[in-house]
């Protein structure tokens, strides 16, 4: 869904400069009370304090526990509502830092990177889905969270985490069209930009079936004229050196 008056830029445009689109400066309307889930348990106050002062340092250590349900919900260990609320709230603060060209080494990215490290696989999955939910039509949130996902993929040393980021994007791309605009531009950037070395990761060619899925989705996302981009890991390494689109890539 996107505003009726908006004409979506073609995500398949070569060398599309997402950060230069006028729509990227516009904030989306959020009608729901997205801070309710972190206000009821006092987490919002602690978040505000850390975002302003980066104190106390122990905040990042106990934050994951504040996003769990505890023993009262054995079948649902994570408070998914609180995770979604935190992502949107913290991201809204991070957009101001992105406008000042300071995405990395910010308290916002420290929170996201810490959760990626300290969460188990289920917790990371909920976190990444909450981020991917914001990849919609062109607006400030879409641009910011696209940069966040790409930054997390580039910076993590955990191959399982890279695979999970890819999984979250792929799960939304294998369904019938139309796909969200922000989802497309994020995945296109991930598979085209040599910085991410996407096709060199083992999970992209761990089996013939998986390889075919990646090839099919990549062809679909790249649009006409790019059918050979995923022919093989070897050929892709050559293509990557020629096709680099840094428009949505955060500057480290």
C-alpha atoms as a PDB file:
ATOM      1  CA  UNK A   1       0.000   0.000   0.000  1.00  0.00           C
ATOM      2  CA  UNK A   2       1.137   3.542  -0.725  1.00  0.00           C
ATOM      3  CA  UNK A   3      -0.471   7.004  -0.930  1.00  0.00           C
ATOM      4  CA  UNK A   4      -2.813   7.400  -3.898  1.00  0.00           C
ATOM      5  CA  UNK A   5      -1.120  10.568  -5.092  1.00  0.00           C
ATOM      6  CA  UNK A   6       2.320   8.959  -5.157  1.00  0.00           C
ATOM      7  CA  UNK A   7       3.925   7.544  -8.294  1.00  0.00           C
ATOM      8  CA  UNK A   8       6.437   4.930  -7.247  1.00  0.00           C
ATOM      9  CA  UNK A   9       9.905   5.288  -8.799  1.00  0.00           C
ATOM     10  CA  UNK A  10      10.833   2.250 -10.856  1.00  0.00           C
ATOM     11  CA  UNK A  11      12.973   0.075  -8.526  1.00  0.00           C
ATOM     12  CA  UNK A  12      14.653  -1.472 -11.597  1.00  0.00           C
ATOM     13  CA  UNK A  13      16.077   1.873 -12.756  1.00  0.00           C
ATOM     14  CA  UNK A  14      19.848   1.435 -13.263  1.00  0.00           C
ATOM     15  CA  UNK A  15      21.909   3.224 -10.601  1.00  0.00           C
ATOM     16  CA  UNK A  16      18.787   4.477  -8.836  1.00  0.00           C
ATOM     17  CA  UNK A  17      19.836   7.052  -6.216  1.00  0.00           C
ATOM     18  CA  UNK A  18      17.341   6.283  -3.487  1.00  0.00           C
ATOM     19  CA  UNK A  19      18.772   8.798  -1.048  1.00  0.00           C
ATOM     20  CA  UNK A  20      18.175  11.599  -3.573  1.00  0.00           C
ATOM     21  CA  UNK A  21      14.470  10.899  -4.090  1.00  0.00           C
ATOM     22  CA  UNK A  22      12.339  13.761  -2.694  1.00  0.00           C
ATOM     23  CA  UNK A  23       9.956  11.260  -1.072  1.00  0.00           C
ATOM     24  CA  UNK A  24      12.748  10.016   1.201  1.00  0.00           C
ATOM     25  CA  UNK A  25      12.512  13.217   3.241  1.00  0.00           C
ATOM     26  CA  UNK A  26       8.843  12.573   4.044  1.00  0.00           C
ATOM     27  CA  UNK A  27       7.828  10.730   7.207  1.00  0.00           C
ATOM     28  CA  UNK A  28       5.053   8.127   6.948  1.00  0.00           C
ATOM     29  CA  UNK A  29       1.843   8.496   8.907  1.00  0.00           C
ATOM     30  CA  UNK A  30       1.637   5.968  11.735  1.00  0.00           C
ATOM     31  CA  UNK A  31      -1.898   5.794  13.078  1.00  0.00           C
ATOM     32  CA  UNK A  32      -1.300   3.096  15.689  1.00  0.00           C
ATOM     33  CA  UNK A  33       0.127   3.786  19.142  1.00  0.00           C
ATOM     34  CA  UNK A  34       3.429   2.069  18.420  1.00  0.00           C
ATOM     35  CA  UNK A  35       5.029   3.110  21.710  1.00  0.00           C
ATOM     36  CA  UNK A  36       2.377   1.455  23.902  1.00  0.00           C
ATOM     37  CA  UNK A  37       4.184  -1.871  24.174  1.00  0.00           C
ATOM     38  CA  UNK A  38       7.407  -0.264  25.458  1.00  0.00           C
ATOM     39  CA  UNK A  39       5.694   2.359  27.617  1.00  0.00           C
ATOM     40  CA  UNK A  40       3.678  -0.023  29.758  1.00  0.00           C
ATOM     41  CA  UNK A  41       6.764  -1.758  31.178  1.00  0.00           C
ATOM     42  CA  UNK A  42       8.928   1.371  31.562  1.00  0.00           C
ATOM     43  CA  UNK A  43      11.287   0.433  28.746  1.00  0.00           C
ATOM     44  CA  UNK A  44      10.656   3.658  26.844  1.00  0.00           C
ATOM     45  CA  UNK A  45      12.191   5.772  29.608  1.00  0.00           C
ATOM     46  CA  UNK A  46      15.291   3.588  29.707  1.00  0.00           C
ATOM     47  CA  UNK A  47      15.560   3.761  25.911  1.00  0.00           C
ATOM     48  CA  UNK A  48      15.318   7.552  25.936  1.00  0.00           C
ATOM     49  CA  UNK A  49      18.047   7.764  28.549  1.00  0.00           C
ATOM     50  CA  UNK A  50      20.400   5.493  26.604  1.00  0.00           C
ATOM     51  CA  UNK A  51      19.742   7.223  23.288  1.00  0.00           C
ATOM     52  CA  UNK A  52      20.671  10.577  24.839  1.00  0.00           C
ATOM     53  CA  UNK A  53      23.610   9.609  27.051  1.00  0.00           C
ATOM     54  CA  UNK A  54      24.571   6.027  26.085  1.00  0.00           C
ATOM     55  CA  UNK A  55      24.340   5.297  29.788  1.00  0.00           C
ATOM     56  CA  UNK A  56      24.244   3.027  31.641  1.00  0.00           C
ATOM     57  CA  UNK A  57      26.568   0.740  29.720  1.00  0.00           C
ATOM     58  CA  UNK A  58      24.743  -2.249  31.213  1.00  0.00           C
ATOM     59  CA  UNK A  59      21.601  -1.270  29.279  1.00  0.00           C
ATOM     60  CA  UNK A  60      22.605  -3.336  26.251  1.00  0.00           C
ATOM     61  CA  UNK A  61      23.260  -6.344  28.481  1.00  0.00           C
ATOM     62  CA  UNK A  62      19.803  -6.550  30.012  1.00  0.00           C
ATOM     63  CA  UNK A  63      17.763  -5.191  27.091  1.00  0.00           C
ATOM     64  CA  UNK A  64      17.150  -8.653  25.532  1.00  0.00           C
ATOM     65  CA  UNK A  65      15.592  -9.869  28.800  1.00  0.00           C
ATOM     66  CA  UNK A  66      13.189  -6.906  28.771  1.00  0.00           C
ATOM     67  CA  UNK A  67      11.934  -8.104  25.385  1.00  0.00           C
ATOM     68  CA  UNK A  68      11.161 -11.619  26.571  1.00  0.00           C
ATOM     69  CA  UNK A  69       7.869 -12.806  28.054  1.00  0.00           C
ATOM     70  CA  UNK A  70       9.455 -14.848  30.809  1.00  0.00           C
ATOM     71  CA  UNK A  71       8.127 -18.035  32.338  1.00  0.00           C
ATOM     72  CA  UNK A  72       4.495 -16.869  32.094  1.00  0.00           C
ATOM     73  CA  UNK A  73       4.393 -17.641  28.346  1.00  0.00           C
ATOM     74  CA  UNK A  74       6.361 -20.869  27.759  1.00  0.00           C
ATOM     75  CA  UNK A  75       5.130 -21.185  24.155  1.00  0.00           C
ATOM     76  CA  UNK A  76       6.007 -17.594  23.235  1.00  0.00           C
ATOM     77  CA  UNK A  77       9.347 -16.651  24.772  1.00  0.00           C
ATOM     78  CA  UNK A  78       9.538 -13.244  23.059  1.00  0.00           C
ATOM     79  CA  UNK A  79       7.304 -10.206  23.391  1.00  0.00           C
ATOM     80  CA  UNK A  80       6.869  -9.621  19.658  1.00  0.00           C
ATOM     81  CA  UNK A  81       4.749  -6.502  20.197  1.00  0.00           C
ATOM     82  CA  UNK A  82       7.518  -4.939  22.275  1.00  0.00           C
ATOM     83  CA  UNK A  83      10.159  -5.839  19.673  1.00  0.00           C
ATOM     84  CA  UNK A  84       8.099  -4.229  16.902  1.00  0.00           C
ATOM     85  CA  UNK A  85       7.468  -1.184  19.064  1.00  0.00           C
ATOM     86  CA  UNK A  86      11.165  -0.824  19.919  1.00  0.00           C
ATOM     87  CA  UNK A  87      12.231  -1.086  16.270  1.00  0.00           C
ATOM     88  CA  UNK A  88       9.900   1.686  15.097  1.00  0.00           C
ATOM     89  CA  UNK A  89      10.604   3.927  18.098  1.00  0.00           C
ATOM     90  CA  UNK A  90      14.375   3.567  17.996  1.00  0.00           C
ATOM     91  CA  UNK A  91      14.381   3.833  14.212  1.00  0.00           C
ATOM     92  CA  UNK A  92      12.449   7.093  14.376  1.00  0.00           C
ATOM     93  CA  UNK A  93      15.276   8.500  16.487  1.00  0.00           C
ATOM     94  CA  UNK A  94      17.881   7.036  14.158  1.00  0.00           C
ATOM     95  CA  UNK A  95      16.436   8.839  11.138  1.00  0.00           C
ATOM     96  CA  UNK A  96      17.667  12.127  12.598  1.00  0.00           C
ATOM     97  CA  UNK A  97      21.185  10.687  12.789  1.00  0.00           C
ATOM     98  CA  UNK A  98      20.957   9.391   9.224  1.00  0.00           C
ATOM     99  CA  UNK A  99      20.122  12.885   8.006  1.00  0.00           C
ATOM    100  CA  UNK A 100      23.365  14.049   9.592  1.00  0.00           C
ATOM    101  CA  UNK A 101      25.250  11.229   7.774  1.00  0.00           C
ATOM    102  CA  UNK A 102      26.012   9.458  11.030  1.00  0.00           C
ATOM    103  CA  UNK A 103      24.461   6.004  10.826  1.00  0.00           C
ATOM    104  CA  UNK A 104      27.321   3.989  12.268  1.00  0.00           C
ATOM    105  CA  UNK A 105      28.633   4.122  15.820  1.00  0.00           C
ATOM    106  CA  UNK A 106      25.389   5.692  16.984  1.00  0.00           C
ATOM    107  CA  UNK A 107      23.431   4.503  20.041  1.00  0.00           C
ATOM    108  CA  UNK A 108      20.653   3.387  17.703  1.00  0.00           C
ATOM    109  CA  UNK A 109      22.902   1.074  15.712  1.00  0.00           C
ATOM    110  CA  UNK A 110      24.525  -0.135  18.927  1.00  0.00           C
ATOM    111  CA  UNK A 111      21.082  -1.277  20.069  1.00  0.00           C
ATOM    112  CA  UNK A 112      20.332  -3.094  16.819  1.00  0.00           C
ATOM    113  CA  UNK A 113      23.773  -4.711  16.613  1.00  0.00           C
ATOM    114  CA  UNK A 114      23.686  -5.744  20.262  1.00  0.00           C
ATOM    115  CA  UNK A 115      20.300  -7.418  19.859  1.00  0.00           C
ATOM    116  CA  UNK A 116      21.526  -9.220  16.744  1.00  0.00           C
ATOM    117  CA  UNK A 117      24.410 -10.585  18.798  1.00  0.00           C
ATOM    118  CA  UNK A 118      22.629 -11.384  22.059  1.00  0.00           C
ATOM    119  CA  UNK A 119      19.356 -12.753  20.708  1.00  0.00           C
ATOM    120  CA  UNK A 120      19.126 -16.406  19.784  1.00  0.00           C
ATOM    121  CA  UNK A 121      17.891 -17.408  16.318  1.00  0.00           C
ATOM    122  CA  UNK A 122      14.212 -16.909  17.212  1.00  0.00           C
ATOM    123  CA  UNK A 123      14.816 -13.491  18.723  1.00  0.00           C
ATOM    124  CA  UNK A 124      16.825 -12.367  15.688  1.00  0.00           C
ATOM    125  CA  UNK A 125      14.051 -13.581  13.412  1.00  0.00           C
ATOM    126  CA  UNK A 126      11.467 -11.450  15.235  1.00  0.00           C
ATOM    127  CA  UNK A 127      13.820  -8.447  15.183  1.00  0.00           C
ATOM    128  CA  UNK A 128      14.570  -8.756  11.459  1.00  0.00           C
ATOM    129  CA  UNK A 129      10.899  -9.169  10.602  1.00  0.00           C
ATOM    130  CA  UNK A 130      10.095  -6.030  12.581  1.00  0.00           C
ATOM    131  CA  UNK A 131      12.698  -4.151  10.519  1.00  0.00           C
ATOM    132  CA  UNK A 132      11.507  -5.650   7.221  1.00  0.00           C
ATOM    133  CA  UNK A 133       7.939  -4.583   8.034  1.00  0.00           C
ATOM    134  CA  UNK A 134       9.088  -0.986   7.506  1.00  0.00           C
ATOM    135  CA  UNK A 135      10.298  -1.593   3.933  1.00  0.00           C
ATOM    136  CA  UNK A 136       7.303  -0.075   2.177  1.00  0.00           C
ATOM    137  CA  UNK A 137       6.792   2.831  -0.230  1.00  0.00           C
ATOM    138  CA  UNK A 138       9.407   5.628  -0.558  1.00  0.00           C
ATOM    139  CA  UNK A 139       9.628   7.526   2.728  1.00  0.00           C
ATOM    140  CA  UNK A 140      12.136   8.235   5.474  1.00  0.00           C
ATOM    141  CA  UNK A 141      11.396   4.997   7.357  1.00  0.00           C
ATOM    142  CA  UNK A 142      11.805   2.814   4.289  1.00  0.00           C
ATOM    143  CA  UNK A 143      15.146   4.425   3.460  1.00  0.00           C
ATOM    144  CA  UNK A 144      16.423   4.228   7.016  1.00  0.00           C
ATOM    145  CA  UNK A 145      15.478   0.608   7.685  1.00  0.00           C
ATOM    146  CA  UNK A 146      16.816  -0.445   4.287  1.00  0.00           C
ATOM    147  CA  UNK A 147      20.149   1.059   5.327  1.00  0.00           C
ATOM    148  CA  UNK A 148      19.917  -0.700   8.707  1.00  0.00           C
ATOM    149  CA  UNK A 149      19.397  -4.144   7.168  1.00  0.00           C
ATOM    150  CA  UNK A 150      22.218  -3.653   4.684  1.00  0.00           C
ATOM    151  CA  UNK A 151      24.525  -2.363   7.419  1.00  0.00           C
ATOM    152  CA  UNK A 152      23.736  -5.327   9.676  1.00  0.00           C
ATOM    153  CA  UNK A 153      24.438  -7.741   6.811  1.00  0.00           C
ATOM    154  CA  UNK A 154      27.741  -6.070   5.996  1.00  0.00           C
ATOM    155  CA  UNK A 155      28.996  -5.730   9.561  1.00  0.00           C
ATOM    156  CA  UNK A 156      28.042  -9.008  11.202  1.00  0.00           C
ATOM    157  CA  UNK A 157      30.630 -11.780  11.272  1.00  0.00           C
ATOM    158  CA  UNK A 158      27.917 -14.335  11.982  1.00  0.00           C
ATOM    159  CA  UNK A 159      27.116 -16.274   8.814  1.00  0.00           C
ATOM    160  CA  UNK A 160      23.873 -17.532  10.355  1.00  0.00           C
ATOM    161  CA  UNK A 161      22.760 -13.938  10.916  1.00  0.00           C
ATOM    162  CA  UNK A 162      23.504 -13.083   7.276  1.00  0.00           C
ATOM    163  CA  UNK A 163      21.450 -16.078   6.223  1.00  0.00           C
ATOM    164  CA  UNK A 164      18.573 -14.976   8.465  1.00  0.00           C
ATOM    165  CA  UNK A 165      18.575 -11.481   6.963  1.00  0.00           C
ATOM    166  CA  UNK A 166      18.393 -13.067   3.521  1.00  0.00           C
ATOM    167  CA  UNK A 167      15.650 -15.443   4.644  1.00  0.00           C
ATOM    168  CA  UNK A 168      13.444 -12.628   5.935  1.00  0.00           C
ATOM    169  CA  UNK A 169      13.743 -10.784   2.622  1.00  0.00           C
ATOM    170  CA  UNK A 170      13.336 -13.928   0.512  1.00  0.00           C
ATOM    171  CA  UNK A 171      10.203 -15.073   2.346  1.00  0.00           C
ATOM    172  CA  UNK A 172       8.515 -11.859   1.254  1.00  0.00           C
ATOM    173  CA  UNK A 173       9.733 -12.089  -2.337  1.00  0.00           C
ATOM    174  CA  UNK A 174       8.638 -15.635  -3.168  1.00  0.00           C
ATOM    175  CA  UNK A 175       4.974 -14.749  -2.707  1.00  0.00           C
ATOM    176  CA  UNK A 176       2.861 -13.356  -5.522  1.00  0.00           C
ATOM    177  CA  UNK A 177       3.382  -9.763  -6.660  1.00  0.00           C
ATOM    178  CA  UNK A 178       3.112  -6.902  -6.033  1.00  0.00           C
ATOM    179  CA  UNK A 179       6.080  -6.677  -3.675  1.00  0.00           C
ATOM    180  CA  UNK A 180       6.693  -3.643  -1.462  1.00  0.00           C
ATOM    181  CA  UNK A 181       8.913  -1.076  -3.174  1.00  0.00           C
ATOM    182  CA  UNK A 182      11.314  -0.873  -0.225  1.00  0.00           C
ATOM    183  CA  UNK A 183      11.697  -4.639  -0.123  1.00  0.00           C
ATOM    184  CA  UNK A 184      12.701  -4.693  -3.787  1.00  0.00           C
ATOM    185  CA  UNK A 185      15.268  -1.904  -3.604  1.00  0.00           C
ATOM    186  CA  UNK A 186      16.847  -3.486  -0.508  1.00  0.00           C
ATOM    187  CA  UNK A 187      17.206  -6.932  -2.056  1.00  0.00           C
ATOM    188  CA  UNK A 188      18.435  -5.526  -5.367  1.00  0.00           C
ATOM    189  CA  UNK A 189      21.093  -3.544  -3.515  1.00  0.00           C
ATOM    190  CA  UNK A 190      22.112  -6.604  -1.516  1.00  0.00           C
ATOM    191  CA  UNK A 191      22.642  -8.850  -4.535  1.00  0.00           C
ATOM    192  CA  UNK A 192      24.187  -6.211  -6.830  1.00  0.00           C
ATOM    193  CA  UNK A 193      26.543  -4.235  -4.616  1.00  0.00           C
ATOM    194  CA  UNK A 194      29.995  -5.829  -4.440  1.00  0.00           C
ATOM    195  CA  UNK A 195      30.395  -4.603  -0.870  1.00  0.00           C
ATOM    196  CA  UNK A 196      28.101  -7.379   0.374  1.00  0.00           C
ATOM    197  CA  UNK A 197      29.728 -10.145  -1.710  1.00  0.00           C
ATOM    198  CA  UNK A 198      26.336 -11.823  -1.560  1.00  0.00           C
ATOM    199  CA  UNK A 199      26.845 -14.668  -4.006  1.00  0.00           C
ATOM    200  CA  UNK A 200      30.043 -15.818  -2.282  1.00  0.00           C
ATOM    201  CA  UNK A 201      28.155 -16.944   0.826  1.00  0.00           C
ATOM    202  CA  UNK A 202      27.612 -20.680   1.111  1.00  0.00           C
ATOM    203  CA  UNK A 203      23.912 -20.408   1.896  1.00  0.00           C
ATOM    204  CA  UNK A 204      23.212 -19.064  -1.612  1.00  0.00           C
ATOM    205  CA  UNK A 205      24.361 -22.307  -3.236  1.00  0.00           C
ATOM    206  CA  UNK A 206      24.159 -24.938  -0.495  1.00  0.00           C
ATOM    207  CA  UNK A 207      21.935 -27.127  -2.675  1.00  0.00           C
ATOM    208  CA  UNK A 208      20.678 -27.119  -6.293  1.00  0.00           C
ATOM    209  CA  UNK A 209      17.122 -26.416  -5.085  1.00  0.00           C
ATOM    210  CA  UNK A 210      18.154 -23.381  -3.039  1.00  0.00           C
ATOM    211  CA  UNK A 211      20.315 -22.120  -5.881  1.00  0.00           C
ATOM    212  CA  UNK A 212      17.343 -22.263  -8.258  1.00  0.00           C
ATOM    213  CA  UNK A 213      15.195 -20.295  -5.806  1.00  0.00           C
ATOM    214  CA  UNK A 214      17.820 -17.569  -5.554  1.00  0.00           C
ATOM    215  CA  UNK A 215      18.243 -17.429  -9.315  1.00  0.00           C
ATOM    216  CA  UNK A 216      14.491 -17.175  -9.865  1.00  0.00           C
ATOM    217  CA  UNK A 217      13.989 -14.439  -7.275  1.00  0.00           C
ATOM    218  CA  UNK A 218      17.046 -12.512  -8.455  1.00  0.00           C
ATOM    219  CA  UNK A 219      15.830 -12.544 -12.069  1.00  0.00           C
ATOM    220  CA  UNK A 220      12.407 -11.383 -10.932  1.00  0.00           C
ATOM    221  CA  UNK A 221      13.844  -8.563  -8.818  1.00  0.00           C
ATOM    222  CA  UNK A 222      16.375  -7.397 -11.363  1.00  0.00           C
ATOM    223  CA  UNK A 223      13.817  -7.022 -14.103  1.00  0.00           C
ATOM    224  CA  UNK A 224      14.380  -7.660 -17.823  1.00  0.00           C
ATOM    225  CA  UNK A 225      17.916  -7.757 -19.152  1.00  0.00           C
ATOM    226  CA  UNK A 226      19.520  -9.246 -16.039  1.00  0.00           C
ATOM    227  CA  UNK A 227      18.648 -12.902 -16.424  1.00  0.00           C
ATOM    228  CA  UNK A 228      22.265 -14.051 -16.260  1.00  0.00           C
ATOM    229  CA  UNK A 229      23.261 -12.248 -13.101  1.00  0.00           C
ATOM    230  CA  UNK A 230      23.001 -15.372 -10.934  1.00  0.00           C
ATOM    231  CA  UNK A 231      24.172 -17.976 -13.398  1.00  0.00           C
ATOM    232  CA  UNK A 232      26.908 -19.162 -11.039  1.00  0.00           C
ATOM    233  CA  UNK A 233      28.934 -17.912  -8.065  1.00  0.00           C
ATOM    234  CA  UNK A 234      31.989 -17.599 -10.296  1.00  0.00           C
ATOM    235  CA  UNK A 235      30.259 -15.523 -12.948  1.00  0.00           C
ATOM    236  CA  UNK A 236      28.625 -13.382 -10.315  1.00  0.00           C
ATOM    237  CA  UNK A 237      31.939 -12.390  -8.810  1.00  0.00           C
ATOM    238  CA  UNK A 238      32.840 -10.923 -12.170  1.00  0.00           C
ATOM    239  CA  UNK A 239      29.472  -9.179 -12.523  1.00  0.00           C
ATOM    240  CA  UNK A 240      29.728  -7.651  -9.067  1.00  0.00           C
ATOM    241  CA  UNK A 241      32.900  -5.808  -9.964  1.00  0.00           C
ATOM    242  CA  UNK A 242      30.999  -4.089 -12.774  1.00  0.00           C
ATOM    243  CA  UNK A 243      27.646  -3.405 -11.106  1.00  0.00           C
ATOM    244  CA  UNK A 244      27.789  -1.343  -7.947  1.00  0.00           C
ATOM    245  CA  UNK A 245      24.837   0.750  -6.773  1.00  0.00           C
ATOM    246  CA  UNK A 246      25.751   2.513  -3.524  1.00  0.00           C
ATOM    247  CA  UNK A 247      22.598   4.626  -3.317  1.00  0.00           C
ATOM    248  CA  UNK A 248      21.114   2.888  -0.276  1.00  0.00           C
ATOM    249  CA  UNK A 249      24.390   1.854   1.298  1.00  0.00           C
ATOM    250  CA  UNK A 250      25.260   3.593   4.593  1.00  0.00           C
ATOM    251  CA  UNK A 251      28.666   5.164   4.815  1.00  0.00           C
ATOM    252  CA  UNK A 252      30.750   3.523   7.542  1.00  0.00           C
END
